[in-house]
Amino acid sequence: MRETIQKRISDALSFHKKGLVKEAQEIFSDIIKNNSHNPEILHFIGIVFYQIKDLEPAVNLINQAIAIN
């Protein structure tokens, strides 16, 4: 299962690097449903929200990631 999550994170990051932010957001949003305490995923999806100018969830997600670490 861990490999599957890592593959999906890799896919989302690949989309993100190509500028396909919405696609990355969809994958991260799906991953976070079952991994809501994973600081790496919280951080990544927070960055995606920031990039689409949805600042409130961006700040909340990044703050959650910081609190866990």
PDB file of N, CA and C in Angstrom:
ATOM      1  N   MET A   1       0.830  -1.188   0.000  1.00  0.00           N
ATOM      2  CA  MET A   1       0.000   0.000   0.000  1.00  0.00           C
ATOM      3  C   MET A   1       0.873   1.250   0.000  1.00  0.00           C
ATOM      4  N   ARG A   2       1.947   1.250   0.773  1.00  0.00           N
ATOM      5  CA  ARG A   2       2.846   2.401   0.835  1.00  0.00           C
ATOM      6  C   ARG A   2       3.397   2.735  -0.544  1.00  0.00           C
ATOM      7  N   GLU A   3       3.739   1.705  -1.330  1.00  0.00           N
ATOM      8  CA  GLU A   3       4.254   1.928  -2.679  1.00  0.00           C
ATOM      9  C   GLU A   3       3.211   2.623  -3.537  1.00  0.00           C
ATOM     10  N   THR A   4       1.968   2.249  -3.377  1.00  0.00           N
ATOM     11  CA  THR A   4       0.898   2.862  -4.150  1.00  0.00           C
ATOM     12  C   THR A   4       0.785   4.344  -3.811  1.00  0.00           C
ATOM     13  N   ILE A   5       0.855   4.679  -2.545  1.00  0.00           N
ATOM     14  CA  ILE A   5       0.782   6.080  -2.133  1.00  0.00           C
ATOM     15  C   ILE A   5       1.980   6.838  -2.685  1.00  0.00           C
ATOM     16  N   GLN A   6       3.172   6.269  -2.567  1.00  0.00           N
ATOM     17  CA  GLN A   6       4.366   6.927  -3.092  1.00  0.00           C
ATOM     18  C   GLN A   6       4.255   7.137  -4.602  1.00  0.00           C
ATOM     19  N   LYS A   7       3.710   6.171  -5.312  1.00  0.00           N
ATOM     20  CA  LYS A   7       3.524   6.299  -6.768  1.00  0.00           C
ATOM     21  C   LYS A   7       2.547   7.421  -7.073  1.00  0.00           C
ATOM     22  N   ARG A   8       1.473   7.497  -6.326  1.00  0.00           N
ATOM     23  CA  ARG A   8       0.477   8.543  -6.554  1.00  0.00           C
ATOM     24  C   ARG A   8       1.046   9.919  -6.220  1.00  0.00           C
ATOM     25  N   ILE A   9       1.844  10.014  -5.147  1.00  0.00           N
ATOM     26  CA  ILE A   9       2.502  11.280  -4.816  1.00  0.00           C
ATOM     27  C   ILE A   9       3.442  11.668  -5.958  1.00  0.00           C
ATOM     28  N   SER A  10       4.191  10.703  -6.452  1.00  0.00           N
ATOM     29  CA  SER A  10       5.103  10.955  -7.572  1.00  0.00           C
ATOM     30  C   SER A  10       4.342  11.444  -8.803  1.00  0.00           C
ATOM     31  N   ASP A  11       3.220  10.816  -9.079  1.00  0.00           N
ATOM     32  CA  ASP A  11       2.391  11.232 -10.222  1.00  0.00           C
ATOM     33  C   ASP A  11       1.895  12.668 -10.037  1.00  0.00           C
ATOM     34  N   ALA A  12       1.422  12.974  -8.825  1.00  0.00           N
ATOM     35  CA  ALA A  12       0.912  14.318  -8.541  1.00  0.00           C
ATOM     36  C   ALA A  12       2.029  15.347  -8.683  1.00  0.00           C
ATOM     37  N   LEU A  13       3.209  15.034  -8.166  1.00  0.00           N
ATOM     38  CA  LEU A  13       4.334  15.962  -8.285  1.00  0.00           C
ATOM     39  C   LEU A  13       4.744  16.155  -9.740  1.00  0.00           C
ATOM     40  N   SER A  14       4.656  15.095 -10.508  1.00  0.00           N
ATOM     41  CA  SER A  14       4.965  15.189 -11.937  1.00  0.00           C
ATOM     42  C   SER A  14       3.995  16.140 -12.636  1.00  0.00           C
ATOM     43  N   PHE A  15       2.704  15.984 -12.346  1.00  0.00           N
ATOM     44  CA  PHE A  15       1.708  16.910 -12.898  1.00  0.00           C
ATOM     45  C   PHE A  15       2.021  18.340 -12.459  1.00  0.00           C
ATOM     46  N   HIS A  16       2.328  18.488 -11.193  1.00  0.00           N
ATOM     47  CA  HIS A  16       2.611  19.810 -10.631  1.00  0.00           C
ATOM     48  C   HIS A  16       3.785  20.474 -11.346  1.00  0.00           C
ATOM     49  N   LYS A  17       4.854  19.726 -11.554  1.00  0.00           N
ATOM     50  CA  LYS A  17       6.045  20.260 -12.229  1.00  0.00           C
ATOM     51  C   LYS A  17       5.751  20.669 -13.665  1.00  0.00           C
ATOM     52  N   LYS A  18       4.775  20.010 -14.283  1.00  0.00           N
ATOM     53  CA  LYS A  18       4.388  20.339 -15.661  1.00  0.00           C
ATOM     54  C   LYS A  18       3.394  21.493 -15.721  1.00  0.00           C
ATOM     55  N   GLY A  19       3.036  22.023 -14.545  1.00  0.00           N
ATOM     56  CA  GLY A  19       2.083  23.126 -14.509  1.00  0.00           C
ATOM     57  C   GLY A  19       0.633  22.679 -14.509  1.00  0.00           C
ATOM     58  N   LEU A  20       0.406  21.397 -14.361  1.00  0.00           N
ATOM     59  CA  LEU A  20      -0.949  20.842 -14.345  1.00  0.00           C
ATOM     60  C   LEU A  20      -1.429  20.768 -12.897  1.00  0.00           C
ATOM     61  N   VAL A  21      -1.675  21.950 -12.337  1.00  0.00           N
ATOM     62  CA  VAL A  21      -1.968  22.082 -10.917  1.00  0.00           C
ATOM     63  C   VAL A  21      -3.287  21.413 -10.541  1.00  0.00           C
ATOM     64  N   LYS A  22      -4.304  21.562 -11.349  1.00  0.00           N
ATOM     65  CA  LYS A  22      -5.608  20.949 -11.044  1.00  0.00           C
ATOM     66  C   LYS A  22      -5.493  19.426 -10.976  1.00  0.00           C
ATOM     67  N   GLU A  23      -4.744  18.849 -11.895  1.00  0.00           N
ATOM     68  CA  GLU A  23      -4.556  17.399 -11.885  1.00  0.00           C
ATOM     69  C   GLU A  23      -3.825  16.959 -10.615  1.00  0.00           C
ATOM     70  N   ALA A  24      -2.808  17.727 -10.249  1.00  0.00           N
ATOM     71  CA  ALA A  24      -2.076  17.430  -9.011  1.00  0.00           C
ATOM     72  C   ALA A  24      -3.002  17.550  -7.812  1.00  0.00           C
ATOM     73  N   GLN A  25      -3.819  18.592  -7.799  1.00  0.00           N
ATOM     74  CA  GLN A  25      -4.755  18.803  -6.693  1.00  0.00           C
ATOM     75  C   GLN A  25      -5.717  17.629  -6.553  1.00  0.00           C
ATOM     76  N   GLU A  26      -6.215  17.123  -7.653  1.00  0.00           N
ATOM     77  CA  GLU A  26      -7.144  15.991  -7.600  1.00  0.00           C
ATOM     78  C   GLU A  26      -6.488  14.774  -6.953  1.00  0.00           C
ATOM     79  N   ILE A  27      -5.265  14.487  -7.336  1.00  0.00           N
ATOM     80  CA  ILE A  27      -4.574  13.319  -6.775  1.00  0.00           C
ATOM     81  C   ILE A  27      -4.287  13.532  -5.294  1.00  0.00           C
ATOM     82  N   PHE A  28      -3.723  14.696  -4.942  1.00  0.00           N
ATOM     83  CA  PHE A  28      -3.429  14.967  -3.530  1.00  0.00           C
ATOM     84  C   PHE A  28      -4.699  14.952  -2.681  1.00  0.00           C
ATOM     85  N   SER A  29      -5.782  15.507  -3.212  1.00  0.00           N
ATOM     86  CA  SER A  29      -7.050  15.514  -2.463  1.00  0.00           C
ATOM     87  C   SER A  29      -7.541  14.101  -2.209  1.00  0.00           C
ATOM     88  N   ASP A  30      -7.360  13.232  -3.176  1.00  0.00           N
ATOM     89  CA  ASP A  30      -7.769  11.842  -3.006  1.00  0.00           C
ATOM     90  C   ASP A  30      -6.875  11.132  -1.988  1.00  0.00           C
ATOM     91  N   ILE A  31      -5.571  11.359  -2.085  1.00  0.00           N
ATOM     92  CA  ILE A  31      -4.630  10.719  -1.164  1.00  0.00           C
ATOM     93  C   ILE A  31      -4.900  11.144   0.277  1.00  0.00           C
ATOM     94  N   ILE A  32      -5.190  12.413   0.470  1.00  0.00           N
ATOM     95  CA  ILE A  32      -5.321  12.951   1.833  1.00  0.00           C
ATOM     96  C   ILE A  32      -6.550  12.394   2.563  1.00  0.00           C
ATOM     97  N   LYS A  33      -7.507  11.884   1.825  1.00  0.00           N
ATOM     98  CA  LYS A  33      -8.704  11.306   2.462  1.00  0.00           C
ATOM     99  C   LYS A  33      -8.335  10.203   3.440  1.00  0.00           C
ATOM    100  N   ASN A  34      -7.317   9.419   3.099  1.00  0.00           N
ATOM    101  CA  ASN A  34      -6.906   8.300   3.956  1.00  0.00           C
ATOM    102  C   ASN A  34      -5.576   8.535   4.652  1.00  0.00           C
ATOM    103  N   ASN A  35      -5.004   9.731   4.462  1.00  0.00           N
ATOM    104  CA  ASN A  35      -3.696  10.042   5.035  1.00  0.00           C
ATOM    105  C   ASN A  35      -3.689  11.459   5.589  1.00  0.00           C
ATOM    106  N   SER A  36      -4.695  11.771   6.367  1.00  0.00           N
ATOM    107  CA  SER A  36      -4.891  13.153   6.822  1.00  0.00           C
ATOM    108  C   SER A  36      -3.844  13.627   7.834  1.00  0.00           C
ATOM    109  N   HIS A  37      -2.996  12.728   8.288  1.00  0.00           N
ATOM    110  CA  HIS A  37      -1.961  13.119   9.251  1.00  0.00           C
ATOM    111  C   HIS A  37      -0.566  12.995   8.653  1.00  0.00           C
ATOM    112  N   ASN A  38      -0.483  12.979   7.340  1.00  0.00           N
ATOM    113  CA  ASN A  38       0.797  12.882   6.657  1.00  0.00           C
ATOM    114  C   ASN A  38       1.280  14.292   6.323  1.00  0.00           C
ATOM    115  N   PRO A  39       2.325  14.778   7.012  1.00  0.00           N
ATOM    116  CA  PRO A  39       2.751  16.164   6.802  1.00  0.00           C
ATOM    117  C   PRO A  39       3.227  16.455   5.381  1.00  0.00           C
ATOM    118  N   GLU A  40       3.826  15.472   4.734  1.00  0.00           N
ATOM    119  CA  GLU A  40       4.291  15.661   3.358  1.00  0.00           C
ATOM    120  C   GLU A  40       3.117  15.963   2.430  1.00  0.00           C
ATOM    121  N   ILE A  41       2.061  15.176   2.550  1.00  0.00           N
ATOM    122  CA  ILE A  41       0.894  15.371   1.688  1.00  0.00           C
ATOM    123  C   ILE A  41       0.173  16.661   2.047  1.00  0.00           C
ATOM    124  N   LEU A  42       0.039  16.945   3.333  1.00  0.00           N
ATOM    125  CA  LEU A  42      -0.588  18.206   3.750  1.00  0.00           C
ATOM    126  C   LEU A  42       0.160  19.400   3.173  1.00  0.00           C
ATOM    127  N   HIS A  43       1.479  19.342   3.223  1.00  0.00           N
ATOM    128  CA  HIS A  43       2.295  20.422   2.678  1.00  0.00           C
ATOM    129  C   HIS A  43       2.085  20.568   1.175  1.00  0.00           C
ATOM    130  N   PHE A  44       2.169  19.463   0.453  1.00  0.00           N
ATOM    131  CA  PHE A  44       2.026  19.523  -0.997  1.00  0.00           C
ATOM    132  C   PHE A  44       0.665  20.078  -1.418  1.00  0.00           C
ATOM    133  N   ILE A  45      -0.389  19.590  -0.802  1.00  0.00           N
ATOM    134  CA  ILE A  45      -1.711  20.078  -1.200  1.00  0.00           C
ATOM    135  C   ILE A  45      -1.908  21.533  -0.763  1.00  0.00           C
ATOM    136  N   GLY A  46      -1.277  21.916   0.353  1.00  0.00           N
ATOM    137  CA  GLY A  46      -1.314  23.314   0.762  1.00  0.00           C
ATOM    138  C   GLY A  46      -0.679  24.218  -0.284  1.00  0.00           C
ATOM    139  N   ILE A  47       0.442  23.789  -0.830  1.00  0.00           N
ATOM    140  CA  ILE A  47       1.119  24.547  -1.886  1.00  0.00           C
ATOM    141  C   ILE A  47       0.229  24.653  -3.123  1.00  0.00           C
ATOM    142  N   VAL A  48      -0.435  23.560  -3.472  1.00  0.00           N
ATOM    143  CA  VAL A  48      -1.338  23.584  -4.628  1.00  0.00           C
ATOM    144  C   VAL A  48      -2.462  24.590  -4.401  1.00  0.00           C
ATOM    145  N   PHE A  49      -3.064  24.573  -3.227  1.00  0.00           N
ATOM    146  CA  PHE A  49      -4.126  25.544  -2.935  1.00  0.00           C
ATOM    147  C   PHE A  49      -3.594  26.979  -3.012  1.00  0.00           C
ATOM    148  N   TYR A  50      -2.388  27.179  -2.531  1.00  0.00           N
ATOM    149  CA  TYR A  50      -1.776  28.505  -2.610  1.00  0.00           C
ATOM    150  C   TYR A  50      -1.641  28.946  -4.073  1.00  0.00           C
ATOM    151  N   GLN A  51      -1.208  28.028  -4.910  1.00  0.00           N
ATOM    152  CA  GLN A  51      -0.989  28.367  -6.317  1.00  0.00           C
ATOM    153  C   GLN A  51      -2.276  28.669  -7.076  1.00  0.00           C
ATOM    154  N   ILE A  52      -3.381  28.107  -6.618  1.00  0.00           N
ATOM    155  CA  ILE A  52      -4.649  28.432  -7.285  1.00  0.00           C
ATOM    156  C   ILE A  52      -5.369  29.572  -6.565  1.00  0.00           C
ATOM    157  N   LYS A  53      -4.626  30.226  -5.659  1.00  0.00           N
ATOM    158  CA  LYS A  53      -5.107  31.422  -4.943  1.00  0.00           C
ATOM    159  C   LYS A  53      -6.258  31.131  -3.987  1.00  0.00           C
ATOM    160  N   ASP A  54      -6.316  29.908  -3.476  1.00  0.00           N
ATOM    161  CA  ASP A  54      -7.296  29.549  -2.449  1.00  0.00           C
ATOM    162  C   ASP A  54      -6.535  29.544  -1.125  1.00  0.00           C
ATOM    163  N   LEU A  55      -6.367  30.732  -0.566  1.00  0.00           N
ATOM    164  CA  LEU A  55      -5.397  30.934   0.502  1.00  0.00           C
ATOM    165  C   LEU A  55      -5.794  30.371   1.863  1.00  0.00           C
ATOM    166  N   GLU A  56      -7.054  30.417   2.215  1.00  0.00           N
ATOM    167  CA  GLU A  56      -7.449  29.921   3.535  1.00  0.00           C
ATOM    168  C   GLU A  56      -7.116  28.443   3.715  1.00  0.00           C
ATOM    169  N   PRO A  57      -7.546  27.556   2.784  1.00  0.00           N
ATOM    170  CA  PRO A  57      -7.155  26.151   2.964  1.00  0.00           C
ATOM    171  C   PRO A  57      -5.644  25.953   2.826  1.00  0.00           C
ATOM    172  N   ALA A  58      -4.989  26.769   2.008  1.00  0.00           N
ATOM    173  CA  ALA A  58      -3.539  26.654   1.865  1.00  0.00           C
ATOM    174  C   ALA A  58      -2.854  26.867   3.207  1.00  0.00           C
ATOM    175  N   VAL A  59      -3.210  27.939   3.887  1.00  0.00           N
ATOM    176  CA  VAL A  59      -2.604  28.244   5.191  1.00  0.00           C
ATOM    177  C   VAL A  59      -2.952  27.162   6.205  1.00  0.00           C
ATOM    178  N   ASN A  60      -4.197  26.740   6.237  1.00  0.00           N
ATOM    179  CA  ASN A  60      -4.621  25.708   7.202  1.00  0.00           C
ATOM    180  C   ASN A  60      -3.854  24.400   6.991  1.00  0.00           C
ATOM    181  N   LEU A  61      -3.728  23.979   5.747  1.00  0.00           N
ATOM    182  CA  LEU A  61      -3.043  22.716   5.461  1.00  0.00           C
ATOM    183  C   LEU A  61      -1.560  22.791   5.799  1.00  0.00           C
ATOM    184  N   ILE A  62      -0.928  23.892   5.438  1.00  0.00           N
ATOM    185  CA  ILE A  62       0.505  24.029   5.740  1.00  0.00           C
ATOM    186  C   ILE A  62       0.724  24.121   7.249  1.00  0.00           C
ATOM    187  N   ASN A  63      -0.159  24.822   7.944  1.00  0.00           N
ATOM    188  CA  ASN A  63      -0.063  24.882   9.421  1.00  0.00           C
ATOM    189  C   ASN A  63      -0.237  23.489  10.039  1.00  0.00           C
ATOM    190  N   GLN A  64      -1.141  22.685   9.499  1.00  0.00           N
ATOM    191  CA  GLN A  64      -1.308  21.312   9.993  1.00  0.00           C
ATOM    192  C   GLN A  64      -0.035  20.509   9.786  1.00  0.00           C
ATOM    193  N   ALA A  65       0.571  20.662   8.621  1.00  0.00           N
ATOM    194  CA  ALA A  65       1.813  19.932   8.317  1.00  0.00           C
ATOM    195  C   ALA A  65       2.917  20.334   9.305  1.00  0.00           C
ATOM    196  N   ILE A  66       3.005  21.616   9.588  1.00  0.00           N
ATOM    197  CA  ILE A  66       4.007  22.106  10.535  1.00  0.00           C
ATOM    198  C   ILE A  66       3.738  21.562  11.938  1.00  0.00           C
ATOM    199  N   ALA A  67       2.491  21.568  12.342  1.00  0.00           N
ATOM    200  CA  ALA A  67       2.123  21.095  13.682  1.00  0.00           C
ATOM    201  C   ALA A  67       2.467  19.612  13.873  1.00  0.00           C
ATOM    202  N   ILE A  68       2.331  18.833  12.841  1.00  0.00           N
ATOM    203  CA  ILE A  68       2.622  17.392  12.930  1.00  0.00           C
ATOM    204  C   ILE A  68       4.117  17.175  13.052  1.00  0.00           C
ATOM    205  N   ASN A  69       4.870  17.972  12.317  1.00  0.00           N
ATOM    206  CA  ASN A  69       6.338  17.834  12.385  1.00  0.00           C
ATOM    207  C   ASN A  69       6.809  18.459  13.657  1.00  0.00           C
TER     208      ASN A  69
END
